[in-house]
Amino acid sequence: MTTTTTSAAELTRRDRAVLVAVAAGRGTVVSGRLLIDGLPCADQFVAARLRAAGLLATQVAGTAQLTGSGVELVAA
C-alpha cells in the first residue's frame, strides 16, 4: 500500500488558499470541478493535485470537504 504524504512546505500559496476556503465551507464540487464562492478556480488542476495528495476528499457533487490530512495541514 502506498501513502502520499504532503507537508505544508510542499504546498503552494494557491493550494493553501484553496484548502482554507474549503475548510471555511466556501467550496462546492459540481460535476467533479471545484468552485470557490460559486466561481471556478482559476487553476483548473488545483483540485486534482489536492485530491492526489490526499488532502481533498474526492466528490462528484456537493460541498467540498477536506480529508483528515487536509484538516491537519490547514491547522498547522
N, C-alpha and C. Protein backbone atom coordinates (compact mmCIF):
# COMPACT_ATOMS: atom_id res chain seq x y z
N MET A 1 0.84 -1.18 0.00
CA MET A 1 0.00 0.00 0.00
C MET A 1 0.88 1.24 0.00
N THR A 2 0.59 2.18 -0.88
CA THR A 2 1.36 3.41 -0.98
C THR A 2 0.56 4.56 -0.39
N THR A 3 1.22 5.35 0.45
CA THR A 3 0.57 6.50 1.06
C THR A 3 1.28 7.76 0.60
N THR A 4 0.53 8.76 0.19
CA THR A 4 1.10 10.03 -0.22
C THR A 4 1.15 10.94 0.99
N THR A 5 2.31 11.49 1.27
CA THR A 5 2.44 12.42 2.38
C THR A 5 2.82 13.78 1.81
N THR A 6 2.05 14.78 2.13
CA THR A 6 2.32 16.13 1.68
C THR A 6 2.50 17.00 2.90
N SER A 7 3.59 17.73 2.95
CA SER A 7 3.81 18.63 4.08
C SER A 7 3.38 20.03 3.69
N ALA A 8 3.21 20.88 4.70
CA ALA A 8 2.81 22.26 4.44
C ALA A 8 3.84 22.97 3.57
N ALA A 9 5.11 22.61 3.69
CA ALA A 9 6.17 23.25 2.90
C ALA A 9 6.04 22.93 1.41
N GLU A 10 5.40 21.81 1.06
CA GLU A 10 5.27 21.42 -0.34
C GLU A 10 4.07 22.08 -1.03
N LEU A 11 3.20 22.71 -0.27
CA LEU A 11 2.02 23.36 -0.84
C LEU A 11 2.36 24.74 -1.37
N THR A 12 1.74 25.08 -2.50
CA THR A 12 1.88 26.45 -2.99
C THR A 12 0.92 27.33 -2.20
N ARG A 13 1.10 28.63 -2.30
CA ARG A 13 0.17 29.55 -1.64
C ARG A 13 -1.25 29.35 -2.18
N ARG A 14 -1.36 29.09 -3.46
CA ARG A 14 -2.68 28.85 -4.05
C ARG A 14 -3.31 27.59 -3.47
N ASP A 15 -2.53 26.52 -3.36
CA ASP A 15 -3.05 25.28 -2.78
C ASP A 15 -3.55 25.52 -1.36
N ARG A 16 -2.76 26.22 -0.56
CA ARG A 16 -3.13 26.50 0.83
C ARG A 16 -4.40 27.36 0.88
N ALA A 17 -4.50 28.35 -0.01
CA ALA A 17 -5.69 29.21 -0.03
C ALA A 17 -6.94 28.41 -0.37
N VAL A 18 -6.83 27.47 -1.29
CA VAL A 18 -7.97 26.62 -1.64
C VAL A 18 -8.35 25.76 -0.45
N LEU A 19 -7.36 25.17 0.23
CA LEU A 19 -7.66 24.36 1.42
C LEU A 19 -8.36 25.18 2.50
N VAL A 20 -7.90 26.39 2.72
CA VAL A 20 -8.51 27.27 3.73
C VAL A 20 -9.95 27.61 3.32
N ALA A 21 -10.17 27.89 2.05
CA ALA A 21 -11.52 28.20 1.58
C ALA A 21 -12.45 27.01 1.76
N VAL A 22 -11.97 25.82 1.44
CA VAL A 22 -12.78 24.62 1.60
C VAL A 22 -13.07 24.39 3.08
N ALA A 23 -12.06 24.57 3.92
CA ALA A 23 -12.24 24.40 5.37
C ALA A 23 -13.28 25.38 5.92
N ALA A 24 -13.37 26.56 5.31
CA ALA A 24 -14.33 27.59 5.74
C ALA A 24 -15.73 27.34 5.18
N GLY A 25 -15.88 26.26 4.40
CA GLY A 25 -17.20 25.93 3.85
C GLY A 25 -17.54 26.68 2.58
N ARG A 26 -16.54 27.25 1.91
CA ARG A 26 -16.78 28.05 0.71
C ARG A 26 -16.64 27.25 -0.58
N GLY A 27 -16.29 25.96 -0.48
CA GLY A 27 -16.06 25.14 -1.67
C GLY A 27 -17.23 24.24 -2.00
N THR A 28 -17.48 24.09 -3.29
CA THR A 28 -18.52 23.21 -3.80
C THR A 28 -17.95 22.45 -4.98
N VAL A 29 -18.36 21.19 -5.11
CA VAL A 29 -17.94 20.40 -6.26
C VAL A 29 -19.16 20.19 -7.16
N VAL A 30 -19.02 20.55 -8.43
CA VAL A 30 -20.08 20.38 -9.41
C VAL A 30 -19.48 19.64 -10.59
N SER A 31 -20.01 18.48 -10.89
CA SER A 31 -19.51 17.65 -11.99
C SER A 31 -18.01 17.42 -11.87
N GLY A 32 -17.52 17.23 -10.65
CA GLY A 32 -16.11 16.95 -10.42
C GLY A 32 -15.22 18.18 -10.42
N ARG A 33 -15.76 19.37 -10.68
CA ARG A 33 -14.98 20.61 -10.70
C ARG A 33 -15.18 21.35 -9.39
N LEU A 34 -14.11 21.92 -8.88
CA LEU A 34 -14.16 22.66 -7.63
C LEU A 34 -14.50 24.12 -7.87
N LEU A 35 -15.51 24.60 -7.16
CA LEU A 35 -15.89 26.00 -7.20
C LEU A 35 -15.64 26.60 -5.82
N ILE A 36 -15.15 27.83 -5.79
CA ILE A 36 -14.98 28.56 -4.54
C ILE A 36 -15.89 29.77 -4.64
N ASP A 37 -16.76 29.94 -3.68
CA ASP A 37 -17.74 31.03 -3.69
C ASP A 37 -18.55 31.03 -4.98
N GLY A 38 -18.82 29.84 -5.51
CA GLY A 38 -19.63 29.71 -6.72
C GLY A 38 -18.89 29.94 -8.02
N LEU A 39 -17.60 30.24 -7.93
CA LEU A 39 -16.80 30.50 -9.14
C LEU A 39 -15.76 29.41 -9.33
N PRO A 40 -15.50 29.01 -10.58
CA PRO A 40 -14.47 28.00 -10.83
C PRO A 40 -13.09 28.54 -10.45
N CYS A 41 -12.25 27.66 -9.94
CA CYS A 41 -10.88 28.04 -9.60
C CYS A 41 -10.13 28.42 -10.88
N ALA A 42 -9.30 29.45 -10.79
CA ALA A 42 -8.51 29.87 -11.95
C ALA A 42 -7.53 28.77 -12.35
N ASP A 43 -7.04 28.04 -11.37
CA ASP A 43 -6.15 26.91 -11.61
C ASP A 43 -7.02 25.67 -11.72
N GLN A 44 -7.29 25.23 -12.94
CA GLN A 44 -8.20 24.11 -13.15
C GLN A 44 -7.67 22.79 -12.61
N PHE A 45 -6.38 22.72 -12.28
CA PHE A 45 -5.79 21.47 -11.82
C PHE A 45 -5.60 21.42 -10.31
N VAL A 46 -5.94 22.49 -9.58
CA VAL A 46 -5.69 22.52 -8.14
C VAL A 46 -6.46 21.41 -7.42
N ALA A 47 -7.70 21.18 -7.78
CA ALA A 47 -8.48 20.14 -7.12
C ALA A 47 -7.87 18.77 -7.35
N ALA A 48 -7.43 18.50 -8.57
CA ALA A 48 -6.81 17.20 -8.87
C ALA A 48 -5.52 17.01 -8.07
N ARG A 49 -4.71 18.09 -7.95
CA ARG A 49 -3.47 18.00 -7.16
C ARG A 49 -3.77 17.71 -5.70
N LEU A 50 -4.76 18.42 -5.16
CA LEU A 50 -5.09 18.25 -3.75
C LEU A 50 -5.73 16.88 -3.48
N ARG A 51 -6.51 16.38 -4.43
CA ARG A 51 -7.06 15.02 -4.28
C ARG A 51 -5.94 13.99 -4.34
N ALA A 52 -5.02 14.14 -5.29
CA ALA A 52 -3.91 13.19 -5.43
C ALA A 52 -3.01 13.20 -4.20
N ALA A 53 -2.90 14.35 -3.54
CA ALA A 53 -2.08 14.46 -2.33
C ALA A 53 -2.82 13.94 -1.11
N GLY A 54 -4.09 13.58 -1.28
CA GLY A 54 -4.87 13.05 -0.17
C GLY A 54 -5.38 14.12 0.77
N LEU A 55 -5.54 15.35 0.28
CA LEU A 55 -5.97 16.46 1.13
C LEU A 55 -7.42 16.88 0.89
N LEU A 56 -7.92 16.64 -0.30
CA LEU A 56 -9.28 17.00 -0.66
C LEU A 56 -10.04 15.72 -0.94
N ALA A 57 -11.18 15.56 -0.27
CA ALA A 57 -11.98 14.35 -0.47
C ALA A 57 -12.53 14.35 -1.91
N THR A 58 -12.48 13.22 -2.56
CA THR A 58 -12.97 13.10 -3.92
C THR A 58 -14.48 13.06 -3.92
N GLN A 59 -15.09 13.95 -4.67
CA GLN A 59 -16.54 14.02 -4.77
C GLN A 59 -16.92 14.38 -6.19
N VAL A 60 -18.13 14.02 -6.55
CA VAL A 60 -18.65 14.39 -7.85
C VAL A 60 -19.53 15.63 -7.73
N ALA A 61 -20.27 15.73 -6.63
CA ALA A 61 -21.15 16.89 -6.41
C ALA A 61 -21.39 17.10 -4.93
N GLY A 62 -21.57 18.34 -4.54
CA GLY A 62 -21.88 18.67 -3.15
C GLY A 62 -20.83 19.58 -2.54
N THR A 63 -20.91 19.72 -1.24
CA THR A 63 -19.97 20.56 -0.51
C THR A 63 -18.59 19.91 -0.51
N ALA A 64 -17.59 20.68 -0.87
CA ALA A 64 -16.22 20.15 -0.87
C ALA A 64 -15.78 19.93 0.57
N GLN A 65 -15.03 18.86 0.80
CA GLN A 65 -14.58 18.52 2.14
C GLN A 65 -13.11 18.14 2.11
N LEU A 66 -12.43 18.46 3.19
CA LEU A 66 -11.04 18.07 3.35
C LEU A 66 -10.96 16.69 3.97
N THR A 67 -9.90 16.00 3.69
CA THR A 67 -9.62 14.74 4.38
C THR A 67 -9.03 15.10 5.75
N GLY A 68 -8.79 14.11 6.57
CA GLY A 68 -8.16 14.34 7.87
C GLY A 68 -6.81 15.00 7.71
N SER A 69 -6.05 14.57 6.71
CA SER A 69 -4.73 15.17 6.44
C SER A 69 -4.87 16.63 6.02
N GLY A 70 -5.90 16.93 5.23
CA GLY A 70 -6.13 18.30 4.80
C GLY A 70 -6.47 19.20 5.97
N VAL A 71 -7.27 18.70 6.88
CA VAL A 71 -7.63 19.47 8.08
C VAL A 71 -6.38 19.75 8.91
N GLU A 72 -5.52 18.74 9.07
CA GLU A 72 -4.28 18.91 9.84
C GLU A 72 -3.37 19.96 9.21
N LEU A 73 -3.25 19.96 7.88
CA LEU A 73 -2.39 20.94 7.21
C LEU A 73 -2.93 22.35 7.35
N VAL A 74 -4.24 22.52 7.28
CA VAL A 74 -4.81 23.85 7.43
C VAL A 74 -4.58 24.37 8.86
N ALA A 75 -4.67 23.45 9.82
CA ALA A 75 -4.48 23.83 11.22
C ALA A 75 -3.03 24.15 11.55
N ALA A 76 -2.09 23.61 10.76
CA ALA A 76 -0.66 23.79 11.04
C ALA A 76 -0.20 25.21 10.77
